[in-house]
Amino acid sequence: MRLLLRSLGVDFETQVQLPGVGRVDFLVDGWLIIECDSREFHEGWGKQVEDRRRDIAAARLGYVTIRPLATEILRDDSTVRDMLQGVISTLGPRFTA
């Protein structure tokens, strides 16, 4: 994911602690949270419920969260890159204006 974000030329931080949300994998341009979900850490209903609670808490603070799967990042990074580029170009101006 770091390489994809670098290729897009965006500013990002890793493992950012957000009050009321917890630690997020990536924070892009101060508004976009990227959580790289893997089966190891996100399998089971309890984990799914917790992820949704965190996403809602982040949204209430003005963040947008996307959750590409680890398998997508590793196997089809061009699709993930296109998705990220689309989200950033569409929503970014709303947050950085």
PDB file of N, CA and C in Angstrom:
ATOM      1  N   MET A   1       0.827  -1.189   0.000  1.00  0.00           N
ATOM      2  CA  MET A   1       0.000   0.000   0.000  1.00  0.00           C
ATOM      3  C   MET A   1       0.872   1.253   0.000  1.00  0.00           C
ATOM      4  N   ARG A   2       1.964   1.222   0.732  1.00  0.00           N
ATOM      5  CA  ARG A   2       2.849   2.399   0.748  1.00  0.00           C
ATOM      6  C   ARG A   2       3.315   2.752  -0.656  1.00  0.00           C
ATOM      7  N   LEU A   3       3.701   1.736  -1.423  1.00  0.00           N
ATOM      8  CA  LEU A   3       4.168   1.986  -2.787  1.00  0.00           C
ATOM      9  C   LEU A   3       3.055   2.556  -3.662  1.00  0.00           C
ATOM     10  N   LEU A   4       1.844   2.046  -3.507  1.00  0.00           N
ATOM     11  CA  LEU A   4       0.715   2.576  -4.276  1.00  0.00           C
ATOM     12  C   LEU A   4       0.471   4.044  -3.937  1.00  0.00           C
ATOM     13  N   LEU A   5       0.487   4.361  -2.658  1.00  0.00           N
ATOM     14  CA  LEU A   5       0.252   5.744  -2.244  1.00  0.00           C
ATOM     15  C   LEU A   5       1.373   6.660  -2.719  1.00  0.00           C
ATOM     16  N   ARG A   6       2.606   6.177  -2.650  1.00  0.00           N
ATOM     17  CA  ARG A   6       3.725   6.989  -3.159  1.00  0.00           C
ATOM     18  C   ARG A   6       3.571   7.243  -4.654  1.00  0.00           C
ATOM     19  N   SER A   7       3.126   6.213  -5.391  1.00  0.00           N
ATOM     20  CA  SER A   7       2.969   6.368  -6.840  1.00  0.00           C
ATOM     21  C   SER A   7       1.879   7.382  -7.184  1.00  0.00           C
ATOM     22  N   LEU A   8       0.939   7.586  -6.278  1.00  0.00           N
ATOM     23  CA  LEU A   8      -0.116   8.580  -6.490  1.00  0.00           C
ATOM     24  C   LEU A   8       0.316   9.982  -6.068  1.00  0.00           C
ATOM     25  N   GLY A   9       1.439  10.085  -5.391  1.00  0.00           N
ATOM     26  CA  GLY A   9       1.960  11.384  -4.985  1.00  0.00           C
ATOM     27  C   GLY A   9       1.178  12.065  -3.882  1.00  0.00           C
ATOM     28  N   VAL A  10       0.541  11.274  -3.032  1.00  0.00           N
ATOM     29  CA  VAL A  10      -0.243  11.853  -1.935  1.00  0.00           C
ATOM     30  C   VAL A  10       0.564  11.837  -0.643  1.00  0.00           C
ATOM     31  N   ASP A  11       0.194  12.720   0.265  1.00  0.00           N
ATOM     32  CA  ASP A  11       0.800  12.716   1.592  1.00  0.00           C
ATOM     33  C   ASP A  11       0.063  11.696   2.444  1.00  0.00           C
ATOM     34  N   PHE A  12       0.801  10.901   3.186  1.00  0.00           N
ATOM     35  CA  PHE A  12       0.150   9.916   4.046  1.00  0.00           C
ATOM     36  C   PHE A  12       1.001   9.630   5.264  1.00  0.00           C
ATOM     37  N   GLU A  13       0.316   9.169   6.299  1.00  0.00           N
ATOM     38  CA  GLU A  13       0.954   8.727   7.533  1.00  0.00           C
ATOM     39  C   GLU A  13       0.517   7.291   7.783  1.00  0.00           C
ATOM     40  N   THR A  14       1.352   6.542   8.487  1.00  0.00           N
ATOM     41  CA  THR A  14       1.006   5.164   8.816  1.00  0.00           C
ATOM     42  C   THR A  14       0.776   5.016  10.315  1.00  0.00           C
ATOM     43  N   GLN A  15      -0.090   4.069  10.652  1.00  0.00           N
ATOM     44  CA  GLN A  15      -0.377   3.722  12.045  1.00  0.00           C
ATOM     45  C   GLN A  15      -0.690   4.965  12.879  1.00  0.00           C
ATOM     46  N   VAL A  16      -1.704   5.692  12.444  1.00  0.00           N
ATOM     47  CA  VAL A  16      -2.104   6.941  13.094  1.00  0.00           C
ATOM     48  C   VAL A  16      -3.175   6.648  14.143  1.00  0.00           C
ATOM     49  N   GLN A  17      -2.983   7.171  15.332  1.00  0.00           N
ATOM     50  CA  GLN A  17      -3.953   7.024  16.419  1.00  0.00           C
ATOM     51  C   GLN A  17      -4.953   8.173  16.336  1.00  0.00           C
ATOM     52  N   LEU A  18      -6.230   7.845  16.146  1.00  0.00           N
ATOM     53  CA  LEU A  18      -7.278   8.861  16.078  1.00  0.00           C
ATOM     54  C   LEU A  18      -8.182   8.726  17.298  1.00  0.00           C
ATOM     55  N   PRO A  19      -8.364   9.803  18.057  1.00  0.00           N
ATOM     56  CA  PRO A  19      -9.219   9.747  19.245  1.00  0.00           C
ATOM     57  C   PRO A  19     -10.632   9.268  18.893  1.00  0.00           C
ATOM     58  N   GLY A  20     -11.134   8.325  19.659  1.00  0.00           N
ATOM     59  CA  GLY A  20     -12.469   7.802  19.436  1.00  0.00           C
ATOM     60  C   GLY A  20     -12.568   6.753  18.347  1.00  0.00           C
ATOM     61  N   VAL A  21     -11.482   6.547  17.614  1.00  0.00           N
ATOM     62  CA  VAL A  21     -11.459   5.578  16.512  1.00  0.00           C
ATOM     63  C   VAL A  21     -10.462   4.471  16.801  1.00  0.00           C
ATOM     64  N   GLY A  22      -9.274   4.864  17.223  1.00  0.00           N
ATOM     65  CA  GLY A  22      -8.185   3.918  17.430  1.00  0.00           C
ATOM     66  C   GLY A  22      -7.120   4.115  16.369  1.00  0.00           C
ATOM     67  N   ARG A  23      -6.249   3.144  16.263  1.00  0.00           N
ATOM     68  CA  ARG A  23      -5.149   3.234  15.307  1.00  0.00           C
ATOM     69  C   ARG A  23      -5.627   2.793  13.924  1.00  0.00           C
ATOM     70  N   VAL A  24      -5.299   3.596  12.908  1.00  0.00           N
ATOM     71  CA  VAL A  24      -5.659   3.264  11.530  1.00  0.00           C
ATOM     72  C   VAL A  24      -4.389   2.964  10.746  1.00  0.00           C
ATOM     73  N   ASP A  25      -4.523   2.133   9.720  1.00  0.00           N
ATOM     74  CA  ASP A  25      -3.351   1.729   8.944  1.00  0.00           C
ATOM     75  C   ASP A  25      -2.712   2.911   8.220  1.00  0.00           C
ATOM     76  N   PHE A  26      -3.531   3.677   7.492  1.00  0.00           N
ATOM     77  CA  PHE A  26      -3.031   4.821   6.727  1.00  0.00           C
ATOM     78  C   PHE A  26      -4.010   5.977   6.849  1.00  0.00           C
ATOM     79  N   LEU A  27      -3.463   7.190   6.933  1.00  0.00           N
ATOM     80  CA  LEU A  27      -4.256   8.407   6.856  1.00  0.00           C
ATOM     81  C   LEU A  27      -3.689   9.223   5.697  1.00  0.00           C
ATOM     82  N   VAL A  28      -4.509   9.418   4.669  1.00  0.00           N
ATOM     83  CA  VAL A  28      -4.076  10.082   3.440  1.00  0.00           C
ATOM     84  C   VAL A  28      -4.606  11.510   3.420  1.00  0.00           C
ATOM     85  N   ASP A  29      -3.703  12.450   3.222  1.00  0.00           N
ATOM     86  CA  ASP A  29      -4.054  13.870   3.107  1.00  0.00           C
ATOM     87  C   ASP A  29      -4.936  14.376   4.248  1.00  0.00           C
ATOM     88  N   GLY A  30      -4.865  13.721   5.390  1.00  0.00           N
ATOM     89  CA  GLY A  30      -5.587  14.172   6.572  1.00  0.00           C
ATOM     90  C   GLY A  30      -7.075  13.889   6.584  1.00  0.00           C
ATOM     91  N   TRP A  31      -7.611  13.172   5.580  1.00  0.00           N
ATOM     92  CA  TRP A  31      -9.064  12.938   5.534  1.00  0.00           C
ATOM     93  C   TRP A  31      -9.459  11.513   5.162  1.00  0.00           C
ATOM     94  N   LEU A  32      -8.590  10.783   4.478  1.00  0.00           N
ATOM     95  CA  LEU A  32      -8.938   9.448   3.980  1.00  0.00           C
ATOM     96  C   LEU A  32      -8.223   8.374   4.793  1.00  0.00           C
ATOM     97  N   ILE A  33      -9.009   7.523   5.432  1.00  0.00           N
ATOM     98  CA  ILE A  33      -8.467   6.392   6.181  1.00  0.00           C
ATOM     99  C   ILE A  33      -8.464   5.180   5.265  1.00  0.00           C
ATOM    100  N   ILE A  34      -7.337   4.498   5.215  1.00  0.00           N
ATOM    101  CA  ILE A  34      -7.254   3.233   4.489  1.00  0.00           C
ATOM    102  C   ILE A  34      -6.913   2.156   5.496  1.00  0.00           C
ATOM    103  N   GLU A  35      -7.788   1.176   5.582  1.00  0.00           N
ATOM    104  CA  GLU A  35      -7.566   0.008   6.431  1.00  0.00           C
ATOM    105  C   GLU A  35      -7.356  -1.192   5.517  1.00  0.00           C
ATOM    106  N   CYS A  36      -6.206  -1.804   5.590  1.00  0.00           N
ATOM    107  CA  CYS A  36      -5.877  -2.961   4.754  1.00  0.00           C
ATOM    108  C   CYS A  36      -6.318  -4.220   5.489  1.00  0.00           C
ATOM    109  N   ASP A  37      -7.475  -4.725   5.108  1.00  0.00           N
ATOM    110  CA  ASP A  37      -8.087  -5.832   5.835  1.00  0.00           C
ATOM    111  C   ASP A  37      -7.576  -7.190   5.358  1.00  0.00           C
ATOM    112  N   SER A  38      -7.188  -8.008   6.307  1.00  0.00           N
ATOM    113  CA  SER A  38      -6.767  -9.381   6.019  1.00  0.00           C
ATOM    114  C   SER A  38      -7.640 -10.338   6.819  1.00  0.00           C
ATOM    115  N   ARG A  39      -7.687 -11.567   6.365  1.00  0.00           N
ATOM    116  CA  ARG A  39      -8.475 -12.579   7.071  1.00  0.00           C
ATOM    117  C   ARG A  39      -7.963 -12.758   8.498  1.00  0.00           C
ATOM    118  N   GLU A  40      -6.656 -12.662   8.673  1.00  0.00           N
ATOM    119  CA  GLU A  40      -6.051 -12.889   9.990  1.00  0.00           C
ATOM    120  C   GLU A  40      -6.612 -11.959  11.062  1.00  0.00           C
ATOM    121  N   PHE A  41      -6.816 -10.695  10.718  1.00  0.00           N
ATOM    122  CA  PHE A  41      -7.228  -9.710  11.717  1.00  0.00           C
ATOM    123  C   PHE A  41      -8.683  -9.261  11.597  1.00  0.00           C
ATOM    124  N   HIS A  42      -9.389  -9.706  10.556  1.00  0.00           N
ATOM    125  CA  HIS A  42     -10.744  -9.196  10.340  1.00  0.00           C
ATOM    126  C   HIS A  42     -11.763 -10.297  10.070  1.00  0.00           C
ATOM    127  N   GLU A  43     -11.454 -11.519  10.451  1.00  0.00           N
ATOM    128  CA  GLU A  43     -12.371 -12.629  10.220  1.00  0.00           C
ATOM    129  C   GLU A  43     -13.327 -12.782  11.404  1.00  0.00           C
ATOM    130  N   GLY A  44     -14.543 -13.138  11.108  1.00  0.00           N
ATOM    131  CA  GLY A  44     -15.533 -13.367  12.155  1.00  0.00           C
ATOM    132  C   GLY A  44     -16.448 -12.176  12.340  1.00  0.00           C
ATOM    133  N   TRP A  45     -17.639 -12.473  12.826  1.00  0.00           N
ATOM    134  CA  TRP A  45     -18.654 -11.436  12.986  1.00  0.00           C
ATOM    135  C   TRP A  45     -18.228 -10.354  13.974  1.00  0.00           C
ATOM    136  N   GLY A  46     -17.614 -10.743  15.071  1.00  0.00           N
ATOM    137  CA  GLY A  46     -17.187  -9.761  16.064  1.00  0.00           C
ATOM    138  C   GLY A  46     -16.232  -8.732  15.486  1.00  0.00           C
ATOM    139  N   LYS A  47     -15.294  -9.183  14.676  1.00  0.00           N
ATOM    140  CA  LYS A  47     -14.343  -8.257  14.037  1.00  0.00           C
ATOM    141  C   LYS A  47     -15.056  -7.351  13.036  1.00  0.00           C
ATOM    142  N   GLN A  48     -16.018  -7.914  12.300  1.00  0.00           N
ATOM    143  CA  GLN A  48     -16.776  -7.114  11.337  1.00  0.00           C
ATOM    144  C   GLN A  48     -17.561  -6.011  12.051  1.00  0.00           C
ATOM    145  N   VAL A  49     -18.182  -6.362  13.165  1.00  0.00           N
ATOM    146  CA  VAL A  49     -18.941  -5.377  13.945  1.00  0.00           C
ATOM    147  C   VAL A  49     -18.010  -4.273  14.446  1.00  0.00           C
ATOM    148  N   GLU A  50     -16.867  -4.646  14.977  1.00  0.00           N
ATOM    149  CA  GLU A  50     -15.908  -3.654  15.476  1.00  0.00           C
ATOM    150  C   GLU A  50     -15.421  -2.744  14.351  1.00  0.00           C
ATOM    151  N   ASP A  51     -15.137  -3.315  13.180  1.00  0.00           N
ATOM    152  CA  ASP A  51     -14.710  -2.498  12.039  1.00  0.00           C
ATOM    153  C   ASP A  51     -15.775  -1.473  11.674  1.00  0.00           C
ATOM    154  N   ARG A  52     -17.034  -1.881  11.652  1.00  0.00           N
ATOM    155  CA  ARG A  52     -18.117  -0.953  11.303  1.00  0.00           C
ATOM    156  C   ARG A  52     -18.257   0.145  12.355  1.00  0.00           C
ATOM    157  N   ARG A  53     -18.122  -0.194  13.609  1.00  0.00           N
ATOM    158  CA  ARG A  53     -18.182   0.824  14.673  1.00  0.00           C
ATOM    159  C   ARG A  53     -17.064   1.853  14.505  1.00  0.00           C
ATOM    160  N   ARG A  54     -15.878   1.375  14.187  1.00  0.00           N
ATOM    161  CA  ARG A  54     -14.747   2.289  13.968  1.00  0.00           C
ATOM    162  C   ARG A  54     -14.998   3.188  12.756  1.00  0.00           C
ATOM    163  N   ASP A  55     -15.529   2.605  11.675  1.00  0.00           N
ATOM    164  CA  ASP A  55     -15.817   3.394  10.470  1.00  0.00           C
ATOM    165  C   ASP A  55     -16.833   4.492  10.767  1.00  0.00           C
ATOM    166  N   ILE A  56     -17.859   4.160  11.536  1.00  0.00           N
ATOM    167  CA  ILE A  56     -18.877   5.158  11.890  1.00  0.00           C
ATOM    168  C   ILE A  56     -18.281   6.235  12.792  1.00  0.00           C
ATOM    169  N   ALA A  57     -17.460   5.838  13.754  1.00  0.00           N
ATOM    170  CA  ALA A  57     -16.802   6.821  14.626  1.00  0.00           C
ATOM    171  C   ALA A  57     -15.931   7.760  13.799  1.00  0.00           C
ATOM    172  N   ALA A  58     -15.211   7.218  12.826  1.00  0.00           N
ATOM    173  CA  ALA A  58     -14.363   8.042  11.961  1.00  0.00           C
ATOM    174  C   ALA A  58     -15.212   8.984  11.109  1.00  0.00           C
ATOM    175  N   ALA A  59     -16.313   8.478  10.572  1.00  0.00           N
ATOM    176  CA  ALA A  59     -17.196   9.313   9.744  1.00  0.00           C
ATOM    177  C   ALA A  59     -17.771  10.471  10.556  1.00  0.00           C
ATOM    178  N   ARG A  60     -18.095  10.206  11.800  1.00  0.00           N
ATOM    179  CA  ARG A  60     -18.635  11.272  12.657  1.00  0.00           C
ATOM    180  C   ARG A  60     -17.612  12.374  12.887  1.00  0.00           C
ATOM    181  N   LEU A  61     -16.335  12.038  12.744  1.00  0.00           N
ATOM    182  CA  LEU A  61     -15.265  13.028  12.888  1.00  0.00           C
ATOM    183  C   LEU A  61     -14.871  13.651  11.548  1.00  0.00           C
ATOM    184  N   GLY A  62     -15.541  13.226  10.460  1.00  0.00           N
ATOM    185  CA  GLY A  62     -15.280  13.816   9.150  1.00  0.00           C
ATOM    186  C   GLY A  62     -14.335  13.044   8.256  1.00  0.00           C
ATOM    187  N   TYR A  63     -13.976  11.838   8.637  1.00  0.00           N
ATOM    188  CA  TYR A  63     -13.078  11.016   7.823  1.00  0.00           C
ATOM    189  C   TYR A  63     -13.870  10.099   6.899  1.00  0.00           C
ATOM    190  N   VAL A  64     -13.256   9.735   5.783  1.00  0.00           N
ATOM    191  CA  VAL A  64     -13.782   8.718   4.879  1.00  0.00           C
ATOM    192  C   VAL A  64     -12.897   7.489   5.044  1.00  0.00           C
ATOM    193  N   THR A  65     -13.511   6.311   5.151  1.00  0.00           N
ATOM    194  CA  THR A  65     -12.750   5.070   5.316  1.00  0.00           C
ATOM    195  C   THR A  65     -12.999   4.149   4.136  1.00  0.00           C
ATOM    196  N   ILE A  66     -11.916   3.604   3.595  1.00  0.00           N
ATOM    197  CA  ILE A  66     -12.030   2.538   2.602  1.00  0.00           C
ATOM    198  C   ILE A  66     -11.219   1.353   3.100  1.00  0.00           C
ATOM    199  N   ARG A  67     -11.639   0.151   2.703  1.00  0.00           N
ATOM    200  CA  ARG A  67     -11.046  -1.074   3.227  1.00  0.00           C
ATOM    201  C   ARG A  67     -10.702  -2.056   2.113  1.00  0.00           C
ATOM    202  N   PRO A  68      -9.627  -1.811   1.364  1.00  0.00           N
ATOM    203  CA  PRO A  68      -9.227  -2.817   0.378  1.00  0.00           C
ATOM    204  C   PRO A  68      -8.730  -4.074   1.094  1.00  0.00           C
ATOM    205  N   LEU A  69      -9.012  -5.212   0.501  1.00  0.00           N
ATOM    206  CA  LEU A  69      -8.552  -6.475   1.085  1.00  0.00           C
ATOM    207  C   LEU A  69      -7.075  -6.685   0.796  1.00  0.00           C
ATOM    208  N   ALA A  70      -6.386  -7.286   1.742  1.00  0.00           N
ATOM    209  CA  ALA A  70      -4.956  -7.564   1.567  1.00  0.00           C
ATOM    210  C   ALA A  70      -4.715  -8.375   0.301  1.00  0.00           C
ATOM    211  N   THR A  71      -5.597  -9.332   0.011  1.00  0.00           N
ATOM    212  CA  THR A  71      -5.416 -10.139  -1.202  1.00  0.00           C
ATOM    213  C   THR A  71      -5.518  -9.284  -2.458  1.00  0.00           C
ATOM    214  N   GLU A  72      -6.376  -8.282  -2.461  1.00  0.00           N
ATOM    215  CA  GLU A  72      -6.477  -7.378  -3.613  1.00  0.00           C
ATOM    216  C   GLU A  72      -5.198  -6.570  -3.776  1.00  0.00           C
ATOM    217  N   ILE A  73      -4.669  -6.094  -2.678  1.00  0.00           N
ATOM    218  CA  ILE A  73      -3.454  -5.279  -2.722  1.00  0.00           C
ATOM    219  C   ILE A  73      -2.289  -6.101  -3.258  1.00  0.00           C
ATOM    220  N   LEU A  74      -2.195  -7.340  -2.819  1.00  0.00           N
ATOM    221  CA  LEU A  74      -1.078  -8.196  -3.216  1.00  0.00           C
ATOM    222  C   LEU A  74      -1.233  -8.770  -4.621  1.00  0.00           C
ATOM    223  N   ARG A  75      -2.464  -9.060  -5.045  1.00  0.00           N
ATOM    224  CA  ARG A  75      -2.674  -9.760  -6.316  1.00  0.00           C
ATOM    225  C   ARG A  75      -3.092  -8.858  -7.467  1.00  0.00           C
ATOM    226  N   ASP A  76      -3.717  -7.735  -7.165  1.00  0.00           N
ATOM    227  CA  ASP A  76      -4.269  -6.884  -8.221  1.00  0.00           C
ATOM    228  C   ASP A  76      -4.092  -5.420  -7.849  1.00  0.00           C
ATOM    229  N   ASP A  77      -2.839  -5.024  -7.680  1.00  0.00           N
ATOM    230  CA  ASP A  77      -2.597  -3.669  -7.191  1.00  0.00           C
ATOM    231  C   ASP A  77      -3.034  -2.590  -8.178  1.00  0.00           C
ATOM    232  N   SER A  78      -3.114  -2.903  -9.469  1.00  0.00           N
ATOM    233  CA  SER A  78      -3.554  -1.879 -10.421  1.00  0.00           C
ATOM    234  C   SER A  78      -5.022  -1.516 -10.195  1.00  0.00           C
ATOM    235  N   THR A  79      -5.851  -2.496  -9.850  1.00  0.00           N
ATOM    236  CA  THR A  79      -7.256  -2.217  -9.550  1.00  0.00           C
ATOM    237  C   THR A  79      -7.371  -1.379  -8.281  1.00  0.00           C
ATOM    238  N   VAL A  80      -6.585  -1.721  -7.274  1.00  0.00           N
ATOM    239  CA  VAL A  80      -6.595  -0.961  -6.021  1.00  0.00           C
ATOM    240  C   VAL A  80      -6.090   0.457  -6.280  1.00  0.00           C
ATOM    241  N   ARG A  81      -5.046   0.590  -7.082  1.00  0.00           N
ATOM    242  CA  ARG A  81      -4.506   1.914  -7.414  1.00  0.00           C
ATOM    243  C   ARG A  81      -5.567   2.759  -8.116  1.00  0.00           C
ATOM    244  N   ASP A  82      -6.266   2.173  -9.099  1.00  0.00           N
ATOM    245  CA  ASP A  82      -7.316   2.901  -9.814  1.00  0.00           C
ATOM    246  C   ASP A  82      -8.439   3.323  -8.868  1.00  0.00           C
ATOM    247  N   MET A  83      -8.808   2.431  -7.952  1.00  0.00           N
ATOM    248  CA  MET A  83      -9.851   2.742  -6.976  1.00  0.00           C
ATOM    249  C   MET A  83      -9.419   3.910  -6.097  1.00  0.00           C
ATOM    250  N   LEU A  84      -8.191   3.853  -5.599  1.00  0.00           N
ATOM    251  CA  LEU A  84      -7.681   4.931  -4.747  1.00  0.00           C
ATOM    252  C   LEU A  84      -7.639   6.254  -5.501  1.00  0.00           C
ATOM    253  N   GLN A  85      -7.148   6.202  -6.715  1.00  0.00           N
ATOM    254  CA  GLN A  85      -7.057   7.413  -7.523  1.00  0.00           C
ATOM    255  C   GLN A  85      -8.445   8.015  -7.749  1.00  0.00           C
ATOM    256  N   GLY A  86      -9.429   7.161  -8.000  1.00  0.00           N
ATOM    257  CA  GLY A  86     -10.793   7.643  -8.194  1.00  0.00           C
ATOM    258  C   GLY A  86     -11.367   8.282  -6.946  1.00  0.00           C
ATOM    259  N   VAL A  87     -11.180   7.637  -5.810  1.00  0.00           N
ATOM    260  CA  VAL A  87     -11.693   8.179  -4.543  1.00  0.00           C
ATOM    261  C   VAL A  87     -11.015   9.507  -4.223  1.00  0.00           C
ATOM    262  N   ILE A  88      -9.710   9.553  -4.369  1.00  0.00           N
ATOM    263  CA  ILE A  88      -8.963  10.770  -4.037  1.00  0.00           C
ATOM    264  C   ILE A  88      -9.323  11.910  -4.984  1.00  0.00           C
ATOM    265  N   SER A  89      -9.426  11.629  -6.276  1.00  0.00           N
ATOM    266  CA  SER A  89      -9.737  12.710  -7.223  1.00  0.00           C
ATOM    267  C   SER A  89     -11.181  13.182  -7.094  1.00  0.00           C
ATOM    268  N   THR A  90     -12.097  12.281  -6.741  1.00  0.00           N
ATOM    269  CA  THR A  90     -13.503  12.657  -6.603  1.00  0.00           C
ATOM    270  C   THR A  90     -13.779  13.368  -5.286  1.00  0.00           C
ATOM    271  N   LEU A  91     -13.292  12.810  -4.191  1.00  0.00           N
ATOM    272  CA  LEU A  91     -13.616  13.353  -2.872  1.00  0.00           C
ATOM    273  C   LEU A  91     -12.569  14.311  -2.327  1.00  0.00           C
ATOM    274  N   GLY A  92     -11.339  14.187  -2.762  1.00  0.00           N
ATOM    275  CA  GLY A  92     -10.254  15.003  -2.228  1.00  0.00           C
ATOM    276  C   GLY A  92     -10.514  16.492  -2.240  1.00  0.00           C
ATOM    277  N   PRO A  93     -11.018  17.042  -3.366  1.00  0.00           N
ATOM    278  CA  PRO A  93     -11.266  18.490  -3.388  1.00  0.00           C
ATOM    279  C   PRO A  93     -12.239  18.967  -2.311  1.00  0.00           C
ATOM    280  N   ARG A  94     -13.142  18.114  -1.877  1.00  0.00           N
ATOM    281  CA  ARG A  94     -14.089  18.488  -0.821  1.00  0.00           C
ATOM    282  C   ARG A  94     -13.392  18.680   0.518  1.00  0.00           C
ATOM    283  N   PHE A  95     -12.307  17.952   0.710  1.00  0.00           N
ATOM    284  CA  PHE A  95     -11.619  17.965   1.996  1.00  0.00           C
ATOM    285  C   PHE A  95     -10.401  18.879   2.010  1.00  0.00           C
ATOM    286  N   THR A  96      -9.853  19.172   0.836  1.00  0.00           N
ATOM    287  CA  THR A  96      -8.617  19.951   0.792  1.00  0.00           C
ATOM    288  C   THR A  96      -8.841  21.373   0.298  1.00  0.00           C
ATOM    289  N   ALA A  97     -10.074  21.717  -0.026  1.00  0.00           N
ATOM    290  CA  ALA A  97     -10.366  23.069  -0.541  1.00  0.00           C
ATOM    291  C   ALA A  97     -10.351  24.092   0.571  1.00  0.00           C
TER     292      ALA A  97
END
